[in-house]
Amino acid sequence: MGHRIRELEDALSVMQSSVSSEPHPLLREDLLGIKFGPERRQPVENEQPLPKPTMPSTISAMGTLTIGDRGEAKYFGPSAGSETLFLAGADLEDSDVDDEVPPDISCEISRIFASLPFEANGNLEMATNLLFDRLPPQTRASALCETYLEQASWAFRPIKRDELMEEVFGPVYKALRERQSSGNLISSFSPHKLAVVFLIFALGALVDLTLEPYSKEAEDYYCISRACLSLRSAFDSPEICTVQAIVLMAAYHGMAGKRYTMDSAWSLMSLGAKLAQSSKPFPSKQSDVVVDRDCARWNFDPKTVERRRALFWELFSADQFYSLALGRPPSIRLSYVDCEFPLDDEASVDDKGNTLVGYYRWKYEFSRDIFSCVIEQTLSAEPPKYETILELDRKVREKTLPPHLNSFMNVAEEDCTPSAYMRKCLLGQYRSVSE
């Protein structure tokens, strides 16, 4: 028995030395002598009461860094989950990933989108009309928009249905019809608004269950959207549609399989967040950016205020989620934000008269109250104290998922659509990632 106890003491000592320079509380001298019986314990004169043990410090984890065969480095921070650590050692064979431009994309379009994120040189009017020629028939375009709104927007929705149809889809196809009827080239149209349309088509085709996974149609639309973004600098006076296009591109990278990586999705989402904080303190028109500051103070119309608020909190939530999942610093800090939540148009009332919060409002509240706190404490250069970890754990546990948004508490719900079910599953993942 004594031999076995000594083995356990040695193992505990080795483990403790790997995580802390302080001795383990169970390895104090007075406790080590217990195994020899009371006759071996030496009395200590004027023995003082042992101080109350303090909370142990947390492990100073630095994350995971891998170096590829060609010297490329990939880093995952301390908050990265086990699913991302699998990516750290994943070797993607060149034969599995086709890096070539799809054959249906012309050389001219390939030349244009190769300049992204910088502005392409050449005749802007001719390039714009060349990209308008790649628009699908309006019936197919409408179907792709509906597919996106039903099958993909549950994960990320930087543009709502009314804005998509009224401000983007409608004007694009109106300009196309006018060109076809008059025969005149389209002389002035925002290429970034056109990019938003093609990215909606790309995401719609990507989640279209009638097509093969990671379909060629989706990749074609994505390549055309890149060309649209290249026709105008994304950095000089970006518009709302510029931010929407960049973050929709990030969403495509996150969903399109091995061709793209989570690193690129995080980078694009971070770029979109920075563009959303463009340096105009007082926007001169409603299409100007600065969505992190509440625009109601500039007397914008209520519809524009709500759209900008919804864009910011959707962008903030995605930025926080990617940062925590990959262990990377976020691009937006709440100390610089005064943007209010958009109206909760999904709120309802139960049989007892209690207000039931909507999906997007709960997601935004969780991102603000939980994600931001967890990221601030766990990804800082100084490791958090154990008391801080316990406090974060308390906050996560207190932010319970309402029963009407919990997929595991409404398994027999008859009118639950696949999109509604995936929403509830995503909110459950929000809590899992934080724990």
Protein backbone atom coordinates (compact mmCIF):
# COMPACT_ATOMS: atom_id res chain seq x y z
CA MET A 1 0.00 0.00 0.00
CA GLY A 2 2.80 2.45 0.89
CA HIS A 3 4.52 1.76 -2.42
CA ARG A 4 1.32 2.49 -4.35
CA ILE A 5 0.80 5.75 -2.43
CA ARG A 6 4.34 6.89 -3.27
CA GLU A 7 3.71 6.18 -6.97
CA LEU A 8 0.57 8.30 -6.87
CA GLU A 9 2.46 11.10 -5.09
CA ASP A 10 5.18 11.04 -7.75
CA ALA A 11 2.63 11.16 -10.57
CA LEU A 12 0.81 14.07 -8.92
CA SER A 13 4.11 15.91 -8.46
CA VAL A 14 5.00 15.49 -12.15
CA MET A 15 1.59 16.70 -13.28
CA GLN A 16 1.69 19.73 -10.95
CA SER A 17 5.16 20.75 -12.15
CA SER A 18 3.89 20.89 -15.74
CA VAL A 19 1.18 23.45 -14.94
CA SER A 20 2.50 25.48 -12.00
CA SER A 21 5.64 26.33 -10.11
CA GLU A 22 3.77 26.01 -6.79
CA PRO A 23 3.59 22.62 -5.00
CA HIS A 24 0.26 20.81 -5.03
CA PRO A 25 -1.74 21.32 -1.78
CA LEU A 26 -1.88 17.54 -1.26
CA LEU A 27 1.92 17.27 -1.33
CA ARG A 28 2.58 19.25 1.86
CA GLU A 29 5.16 17.72 4.21
CA ASP A 30 2.65 17.01 6.97
CA LEU A 31 0.39 15.17 4.55
CA LEU A 32 3.25 13.18 3.01
CA GLY A 33 4.00 11.67 6.41
CA ILE A 34 0.52 10.27 6.93
CA LYS A 35 1.30 7.12 4.98
CA PHE A 36 3.92 6.15 7.59
CA GLY A 37 1.46 6.23 10.48
CA PRO A 38 1.30 8.50 13.55
CA GLU A 39 4.58 7.14 14.97
CA ARG A 40 6.62 8.67 12.10
CA ARG A 41 5.07 12.14 12.26
CA GLN A 42 7.42 14.53 14.05
CA PRO A 43 5.77 17.08 16.32
CA VAL A 44 6.27 20.68 15.36
CA GLU A 45 6.74 23.22 18.13
CA ASN A 46 4.51 26.24 18.02
CA GLU A 47 2.80 24.85 14.95
CA GLN A 48 0.80 27.54 13.22
CA PRO A 49 -2.53 26.87 11.47
CA LEU A 50 -2.07 26.27 7.80
CA PRO A 51 -3.13 29.17 5.60
CA LYS A 52 -6.25 28.68 3.55
CA PRO A 53 -5.18 27.51 0.09
CA THR A 54 -5.70 30.08 -2.62
CA MET A 55 -7.36 29.45 -5.92
CA PRO A 56 -4.88 27.87 -8.34
CA SER A 57 -3.89 29.88 -11.35
CA THR A 58 -5.02 28.68 -14.76
CA ILE A 59 -2.79 26.92 -17.23
CA SER A 60 -0.87 29.43 -19.30
CA ALA A 61 -1.97 27.95 -22.62
CA MET A 62 -0.54 29.65 -25.69
CA GLY A 63 -2.63 27.86 -28.30
CA THR A 64 -1.47 25.66 -31.16
CA LEU A 65 1.01 26.60 -33.88
CA THR A 66 1.74 24.33 -36.83
CA ILE A 67 4.35 24.73 -39.57
CA GLY A 68 3.67 23.21 -42.99
CA ASP A 69 6.13 21.54 -45.34
CA ARG A 70 6.59 24.82 -47.24
CA GLY A 71 6.96 26.96 -44.12
CA GLU A 72 3.37 28.14 -43.89
CA ALA A 73 2.20 28.69 -40.33
CA LYS A 74 -1.27 28.23 -38.87
CA TYR A 75 -2.20 29.40 -35.38
CA PHE A 76 -5.18 28.52 -33.19
CA GLY A 77 -5.57 30.43 -29.94
CA PRO A 78 -6.27 28.98 -26.49
CA SER A 79 -10.07 29.18 -26.92
CA ALA A 80 -10.06 27.13 -30.14
CA GLY A 81 -12.13 23.98 -29.73
CA SER A 82 -11.03 20.47 -30.51
CA GLU A 83 -12.77 20.61 -33.88
CA THR A 84 -10.43 23.39 -35.03
CA LEU A 85 -7.39 21.57 -33.68
CA PHE A 86 -8.14 18.83 -36.18
CA LEU A 87 -7.71 21.45 -38.89
CA ALA A 88 -4.27 22.33 -37.55
CA GLY A 89 -2.86 18.98 -38.63
CA ALA A 90 -5.01 18.43 -41.68
CA ASP A 91 -3.08 17.91 -44.90
CA LEU A 92 -5.15 18.89 -47.90
CA GLU A 93 -3.87 17.08 -50.95
CA ASP A 94 -3.55 19.12 -54.10
CA SER A 95 -5.52 16.53 -56.01
CA ASP A 96 -8.56 17.09 -53.79
CA VAL A 97 -8.70 20.84 -54.28
CA ASP A 98 -9.02 22.41 -57.71
CA ASP A 99 -7.47 25.88 -57.65
CA GLU A 100 -8.10 26.61 -61.31
CA VAL A 101 -10.65 29.18 -62.45
CA PRO A 102 -13.92 27.54 -63.59
CA PRO A 103 -13.85 27.09 -67.39
CA ASP A 104 -17.04 29.10 -67.88
CA ILE A 105 -15.33 32.23 -66.51
CA SER A 106 -13.80 34.28 -69.30
CA CYS A 107 -10.19 35.44 -69.29
CA GLU A 108 -11.34 39.04 -68.93
CA ILE A 109 -13.35 38.29 -65.79
CA SER A 110 -10.45 36.22 -64.44
CA ARG A 111 -8.11 39.16 -64.96
CA ILE A 112 -10.49 41.47 -63.12
CA PHE A 113 -11.08 39.37 -60.02
CA ALA A 114 -7.38 38.55 -59.68
CA SER A 115 -6.83 42.11 -58.42
CA LEU A 116 -9.10 41.69 -55.37
CA PRO A 117 -9.00 43.33 -52.81
CA PHE A 118 -7.46 46.15 -54.86
CA GLU A 119 -9.13 48.05 -57.69
CA ALA A 120 -8.76 46.64 -61.18
CA ASN A 121 -7.53 48.78 -64.06
CA GLY A 122 -9.39 49.16 -67.32
CA ASN A 123 -12.70 50.36 -68.72
CA LEU A 124 -15.17 50.29 -65.83
CA GLU A 125 -18.24 50.63 -68.05
CA MET A 126 -17.30 47.76 -70.33
CA ALA A 127 -16.38 45.55 -67.36
CA THR A 128 -19.67 46.31 -65.60
CA ASN A 129 -21.71 45.35 -68.66
CA LEU A 130 -19.62 42.22 -69.11
CA LEU A 131 -20.60 41.16 -65.58
CA PHE A 132 -24.26 42.06 -66.15
CA ASP A 133 -24.21 39.57 -69.02
CA ARG A 134 -23.53 36.79 -66.49
CA LEU A 135 -26.77 37.35 -64.58
CA PRO A 136 -29.07 34.29 -64.65
CA PRO A 137 -32.67 34.55 -65.91
CA GLN A 138 -34.88 36.35 -63.42
CA THR A 139 -36.86 33.22 -62.58
CA ARG A 140 -33.69 31.33 -61.63
CA ALA A 141 -32.37 34.39 -59.80
CA SER A 142 -35.56 34.64 -57.72
CA ALA A 143 -35.34 30.94 -56.88
CA LEU A 144 -31.73 31.31 -55.72
CA CYS A 145 -32.66 34.27 -53.51
CA GLU A 146 -35.47 32.29 -51.92
CA THR A 147 -33.16 29.33 -51.40
CA TYR A 148 -30.61 31.55 -49.68
CA LEU A 149 -33.22 33.15 -47.43
CA GLU A 150 -34.65 29.77 -46.44
CA GLN A 151 -31.59 27.52 -46.32
CA ALA A 152 -28.62 29.79 -45.50
CA SER A 153 -29.73 33.01 -43.81
CA TRP A 154 -30.35 31.17 -40.52
CA ALA A 155 -26.56 31.03 -40.09
CA PHE A 156 -25.71 34.55 -41.24
CA ARG A 157 -28.03 37.30 -42.49
CA PRO A 158 -26.30 40.61 -43.22
CA ILE A 159 -29.18 41.61 -45.50
CA LYS A 160 -32.86 41.05 -44.81
CA ARG A 161 -35.47 40.02 -47.35
CA ASP A 162 -37.02 43.47 -47.89
CA GLU A 163 -33.65 45.15 -48.38
CA LEU A 164 -32.44 42.39 -50.71
CA MET A 165 -35.49 42.63 -52.93
CA GLU A 166 -36.07 46.39 -52.82
CA GLU A 167 -32.54 47.79 -52.76
CA VAL A 168 -30.42 45.16 -54.50
CA PHE A 169 -32.25 42.53 -56.56
CA GLY A 170 -34.89 44.87 -57.96
CA PRO A 171 -32.51 47.65 -59.12
CA VAL A 172 -30.08 45.12 -60.67
CA TYR A 173 -32.70 43.48 -62.87
CA LYS A 174 -34.36 46.80 -63.62
CA ALA A 175 -31.05 48.09 -64.99
CA LEU A 176 -30.67 44.89 -67.00
CA ARG A 177 -34.16 45.25 -68.54
CA GLU A 178 -33.53 48.89 -69.41
CA ARG A 179 -30.28 47.96 -71.16
CA GLN A 180 -32.01 45.22 -73.13
CA SER A 181 -34.87 47.51 -74.21
CA SER A 182 -32.76 50.57 -75.07
CA GLY A 183 -29.61 48.88 -76.30
CA ASN A 184 -27.50 51.35 -74.32
CA LEU A 185 -24.71 50.24 -72.03
CA ILE A 186 -25.15 50.62 -68.29
CA SER A 187 -23.01 53.64 -67.48
CA SER A 188 -23.34 54.03 -63.70
CA PHE A 189 -24.18 51.23 -61.32
CA SER A 190 -22.54 50.23 -58.06
CA PRO A 191 -20.37 47.16 -58.80
CA HIS A 192 -20.44 46.27 -55.11
CA LYS A 193 -24.24 46.08 -55.17
CA LEU A 194 -23.88 43.74 -58.13
CA ALA A 195 -21.38 41.73 -56.06
CA VAL A 196 -23.98 41.31 -53.30
CA VAL A 197 -26.44 39.84 -55.83
CA PHE A 198 -23.92 37.33 -57.19
CA LEU A 199 -22.87 36.30 -53.68
CA ILE A 200 -26.52 35.69 -52.75
CA PHE A 201 -26.75 33.53 -55.89
CA ALA A 202 -23.54 31.70 -54.90
CA LEU A 203 -24.79 30.94 -51.39
CA GLY A 204 -28.21 29.99 -52.72
CA ALA A 205 -26.67 27.54 -55.19
CA LEU A 206 -24.36 26.22 -52.47
CA VAL A 207 -27.30 25.17 -50.27
CA ASP A 208 -29.60 24.16 -53.12
CA LEU A 209 -30.45 20.54 -52.33
CA THR A 210 -31.25 19.83 -55.98
CA LEU A 211 -27.61 20.45 -56.95
CA GLU A 212 -24.51 18.45 -56.12
CA PRO A 213 -22.53 19.52 -53.03
CA TYR A 214 -20.17 22.46 -53.66
CA SER A 215 -21.70 22.88 -57.08
CA LYS A 216 -19.99 24.42 -60.08
CA GLU A 217 -22.85 26.94 -60.39
CA ALA A 218 -22.11 28.28 -56.90
CA GLU A 219 -18.39 28.64 -57.65
CA ASP A 220 -19.11 30.45 -60.93
CA TYR A 221 -21.27 33.04 -59.17
CA TYR A 222 -18.63 33.44 -56.48
CA CYS A 223 -15.88 34.15 -59.02
CA ILE A 224 -18.09 36.72 -60.76
CA SER A 225 -18.79 38.41 -57.42
CA ARG A 226 -15.05 38.76 -56.83
CA ALA A 227 -14.74 40.49 -60.18
CA CYS A 228 -17.56 42.87 -59.21
CA LEU A 229 -15.79 43.77 -55.99
CA SER A 230 -12.59 44.48 -57.90
CA LEU A 231 -14.18 47.15 -60.10
CA ARG A 232 -14.16 49.64 -57.24
CA SER A 233 -11.80 49.93 -54.30
CA ALA A 234 -13.19 48.37 -51.16
CA PHE A 235 -11.06 50.63 -48.98
CA ASP A 236 -11.88 54.11 -50.29
CA SER A 237 -15.25 55.35 -48.97
CA PRO A 238 -16.90 51.92 -48.69
CA GLU A 239 -20.67 51.70 -48.85
CA ILE A 240 -23.06 49.47 -46.95
CA CYS A 241 -23.17 47.10 -49.93
CA THR A 242 -19.34 46.90 -49.79
CA VAL A 243 -19.48 45.58 -46.23
CA GLN A 244 -22.34 43.22 -47.10
CA ALA A 245 -20.41 41.81 -50.06
CA ILE A 246 -17.22 41.23 -48.04
CA VAL A 247 -18.99 39.45 -45.18
CA LEU A 248 -21.13 37.38 -47.56
CA MET A 249 -17.86 36.30 -49.17
CA ALA A 250 -16.64 35.29 -45.70
CA ALA A 251 -19.80 33.23 -45.22
CA TYR A 252 -19.16 31.50 -48.56
CA HIS A 253 -15.59 30.66 -47.53
CA GLY A 254 -16.90 29.16 -44.32
CA MET A 255 -19.40 26.91 -46.12
CA ALA A 256 -17.76 25.98 -49.44
CA GLY A 257 -15.63 23.05 -48.32
CA LYS A 258 -11.93 22.33 -48.67
CA ARG A 259 -11.36 24.87 -51.41
CA TYR A 260 -11.46 27.57 -48.74
CA THR A 261 -10.40 27.62 -45.09
CA MET A 262 -11.75 28.96 -41.84
CA ASP A 263 -8.69 31.21 -41.73
CA SER A 264 -9.81 32.99 -44.90
CA ALA A 265 -13.38 33.23 -43.58
CA TRP A 266 -12.10 34.86 -40.37
CA SER A 267 -9.86 37.23 -42.32
CA LEU A 268 -12.68 38.36 -44.59
CA MET A 269 -15.07 38.79 -41.67
CA SER A 270 -12.43 40.90 -39.90
CA LEU A 271 -11.98 43.00 -43.04
CA GLY A 272 -15.73 43.55 -43.22
CA ALA A 273 -15.76 44.60 -39.57
CA LYS A 274 -13.01 47.14 -40.16
CA LEU A 275 -14.74 48.54 -43.24
CA ALA A 276 -17.92 48.87 -41.18
CA GLN A 277 -15.97 51.18 -38.85
CA SER A 278 -14.88 53.47 -41.67
CA SER A 279 -13.49 56.82 -40.63
CA LYS A 280 -16.49 59.02 -41.42
CA PRO A 281 -17.65 60.38 -38.05
CA PHE A 282 -20.76 61.94 -39.61
CA PRO A 283 -22.06 59.98 -42.64
CA SER A 284 -23.07 62.30 -45.44
CA LYS A 285 -25.56 59.90 -46.99
CA GLN A 286 -27.43 56.80 -45.93
CA SER A 287 -25.19 54.47 -47.94
CA ASP A 288 -22.07 55.57 -46.05
CA VAL A 289 -20.70 53.16 -43.47
CA VAL A 290 -20.00 53.54 -39.70
CA VAL A 291 -22.55 51.00 -38.52
CA ASP A 292 -21.01 50.63 -35.05
CA ARG A 293 -22.29 54.09 -34.06
CA ASP A 294 -26.06 54.37 -33.82
CA CYS A 295 -27.25 56.38 -36.82
CA ALA A 296 -30.53 57.56 -35.30
CA ARG A 297 -28.66 60.66 -34.10
CA TRP A 298 -28.15 61.71 -37.75
CA ASN A 299 -31.89 61.68 -38.35
CA PHE A 300 -31.89 58.84 -40.84
CA ASP A 301 -35.30 57.43 -41.68
CA PRO A 302 -36.46 54.58 -39.40
CA LYS A 303 -36.08 51.90 -42.10
CA THR A 304 -32.43 52.81 -42.70
CA VAL A 305 -31.75 52.94 -38.95
CA GLU A 306 -33.15 49.43 -38.49
CA ARG A 307 -31.20 48.03 -41.44
CA ARG A 308 -27.91 49.44 -40.23
CA ARG A 309 -28.51 48.21 -36.69
CA ALA A 310 -29.33 44.72 -37.97
CA LEU A 311 -26.18 44.68 -40.16
CA PHE A 312 -23.94 45.73 -37.30
CA TRP A 313 -25.18 43.17 -34.78
CA GLU A 314 -25.12 40.38 -37.34
CA LEU A 315 -21.55 41.33 -38.22
CA PHE A 316 -20.59 41.65 -34.56
CA SER A 317 -22.03 38.23 -33.72
CA ALA A 318 -20.19 36.54 -36.60
CA ASP A 319 -16.92 38.29 -35.76
CA GLN A 320 -17.15 37.16 -32.13
CA PHE A 321 -18.06 33.60 -33.10
CA TYR A 322 -15.12 33.20 -35.51
CA SER A 323 -12.73 34.77 -33.02
CA LEU A 324 -13.72 32.48 -30.18
CA ALA A 325 -13.82 29.35 -32.36
CA LEU A 326 -10.34 29.98 -33.79
CA GLY A 327 -8.77 31.67 -30.77
CA ARG A 328 -8.12 34.91 -32.70
CA PRO A 329 -8.65 38.48 -31.48
CA PRO A 330 -11.93 40.13 -32.56
CA SER A 331 -12.11 43.22 -34.75
CA ILE A 332 -14.85 45.01 -32.79
CA ARG A 333 -14.77 45.96 -29.11
CA LEU A 334 -17.92 47.01 -27.32
CA SER A 335 -16.19 49.94 -25.65
CA TYR A 336 -16.34 51.72 -29.04
CA VAL A 337 -19.95 50.77 -29.81
CA ASP A 338 -23.21 52.56 -29.04
CA CYS A 339 -25.37 50.94 -31.72
CA GLU A 340 -28.70 49.79 -30.34
CA PHE A 341 -30.36 46.46 -31.11
CA PRO A 342 -32.79 46.38 -34.02
CA LEU A 343 -36.44 45.90 -33.23
CA ASP A 344 -37.31 42.34 -32.29
CA ASP A 345 -39.80 41.68 -35.07
CA GLU A 346 -39.87 37.95 -34.21
CA ALA A 347 -41.01 38.43 -30.61
CA SER A 348 -44.24 36.70 -29.66
CA VAL A 349 -46.47 36.18 -26.62
CA ASP A 350 -47.23 32.81 -25.04
CA ASP A 351 -50.52 31.60 -23.56
CA LYS A 352 -49.67 33.20 -20.21
CA GLY A 353 -48.95 36.62 -21.68
CA ASN A 354 -45.18 36.37 -21.37
CA THR A 355 -43.06 37.88 -24.14
CA LEU A 356 -40.96 35.34 -26.04
CA VAL A 357 -37.74 36.79 -27.37
CA GLY A 358 -36.96 36.26 -31.05
CA TYR A 359 -34.09 34.26 -32.50
CA TYR A 360 -31.97 37.18 -33.67
CA ARG A 361 -32.46 39.24 -30.50
CA TRP A 362 -31.33 36.33 -28.31
CA LYS A 363 -28.34 35.71 -30.55
CA TYR A 364 -27.29 39.37 -30.39
CA GLU A 365 -27.74 39.49 -26.60
CA PHE A 366 -25.64 36.37 -26.17
CA SER A 367 -22.88 37.78 -28.39
CA ARG A 368 -22.83 41.04 -26.44
CA ASP A 369 -23.17 39.64 -22.91
CA ILE A 370 -21.28 36.33 -23.18
CA PHE A 371 -19.08 36.08 -26.25
CA SER A 372 -17.46 39.48 -25.77
CA CYS A 373 -16.70 38.80 -22.08
CA VAL A 374 -15.30 35.32 -22.73
CA ILE A 375 -13.09 36.57 -25.57
CA GLU A 376 -11.85 39.56 -23.58
CA GLN A 377 -10.76 37.34 -20.69
CA THR A 378 -9.55 34.15 -22.41
CA LEU A 379 -7.71 35.59 -25.43
CA SER A 380 -5.80 38.32 -23.62
CA ALA A 381 -2.02 38.09 -23.32
CA GLU A 382 -2.31 37.63 -19.54
CA PRO A 383 -3.92 34.29 -18.62
CA PRO A 384 -7.15 34.72 -16.62
CA LYS A 385 -7.34 33.83 -12.95
CA TYR A 386 -9.37 30.86 -11.84
CA GLU A 387 -11.89 33.16 -10.16
CA THR A 388 -12.42 34.83 -13.54
CA ILE A 389 -13.08 31.48 -15.20
CA LEU A 390 -15.65 30.64 -12.54
CA GLU A 391 -17.36 34.00 -13.06
CA LEU A 392 -17.50 33.46 -16.84
CA ASP A 393 -18.90 29.98 -16.28
CA ARG A 394 -21.60 31.44 -14.05
CA LYS A 395 -22.59 33.96 -16.72
CA VAL A 396 -22.84 31.29 -19.40
CA ARG A 397 -24.97 29.04 -17.20
CA GLU A 398 -27.29 31.86 -16.22
CA LYS A 399 -27.88 32.80 -19.87
CA THR A 400 -30.18 29.87 -20.48
CA LEU A 401 -31.71 29.14 -23.86
CA PRO A 402 -35.48 29.81 -23.79
CA PRO A 403 -37.57 26.66 -24.26
CA HIS A 404 -39.17 27.95 -27.49
CA LEU A 405 -35.66 28.35 -29.00
CA ASN A 406 -34.32 25.05 -27.69
CA SER A 407 -34.40 22.28 -30.29
CA PHE A 408 -34.14 19.58 -27.62
CA MET A 409 -37.24 20.80 -25.76
CA ASN A 410 -39.50 20.94 -28.84
CA VAL A 411 -38.66 17.70 -30.60
CA ALA A 412 -42.31 17.00 -31.40
CA GLU A 413 -43.04 20.43 -32.87
CA GLU A 414 -44.99 19.75 -36.07
CA ASP A 415 -44.62 23.09 -37.85
CA CYS A 416 -40.85 23.34 -37.35
CA THR A 417 -39.14 23.94 -40.70
CA PRO A 418 -35.55 22.82 -41.39
CA SER A 419 -34.46 26.45 -41.22
CA ALA A 420 -36.14 26.98 -37.83
CA TYR A 421 -34.61 23.78 -36.51
CA MET A 422 -31.11 24.80 -37.64
CA ARG A 423 -31.55 28.16 -35.95
CA LYS A 424 -32.22 26.47 -32.64
CA CYS A 425 -29.27 24.12 -33.10
CA LEU A 426 -27.00 27.10 -33.81
CA LEU A 427 -28.01 28.81 -30.58
CA GLY A 428 -27.19 25.61 -28.73
CA GLN A 429 -23.75 25.67 -30.35
CA TYR A 430 -23.28 29.26 -29.17
CA ARG A 431 -23.50 28.06 -25.56
CA SER A 432 -21.29 25.02 -26.24
CA VAL A 433 -18.53 27.11 -27.80
CA SER A 434 -18.55 29.44 -24.79
CA GLU A 435 -18.24 26.70 -22.16
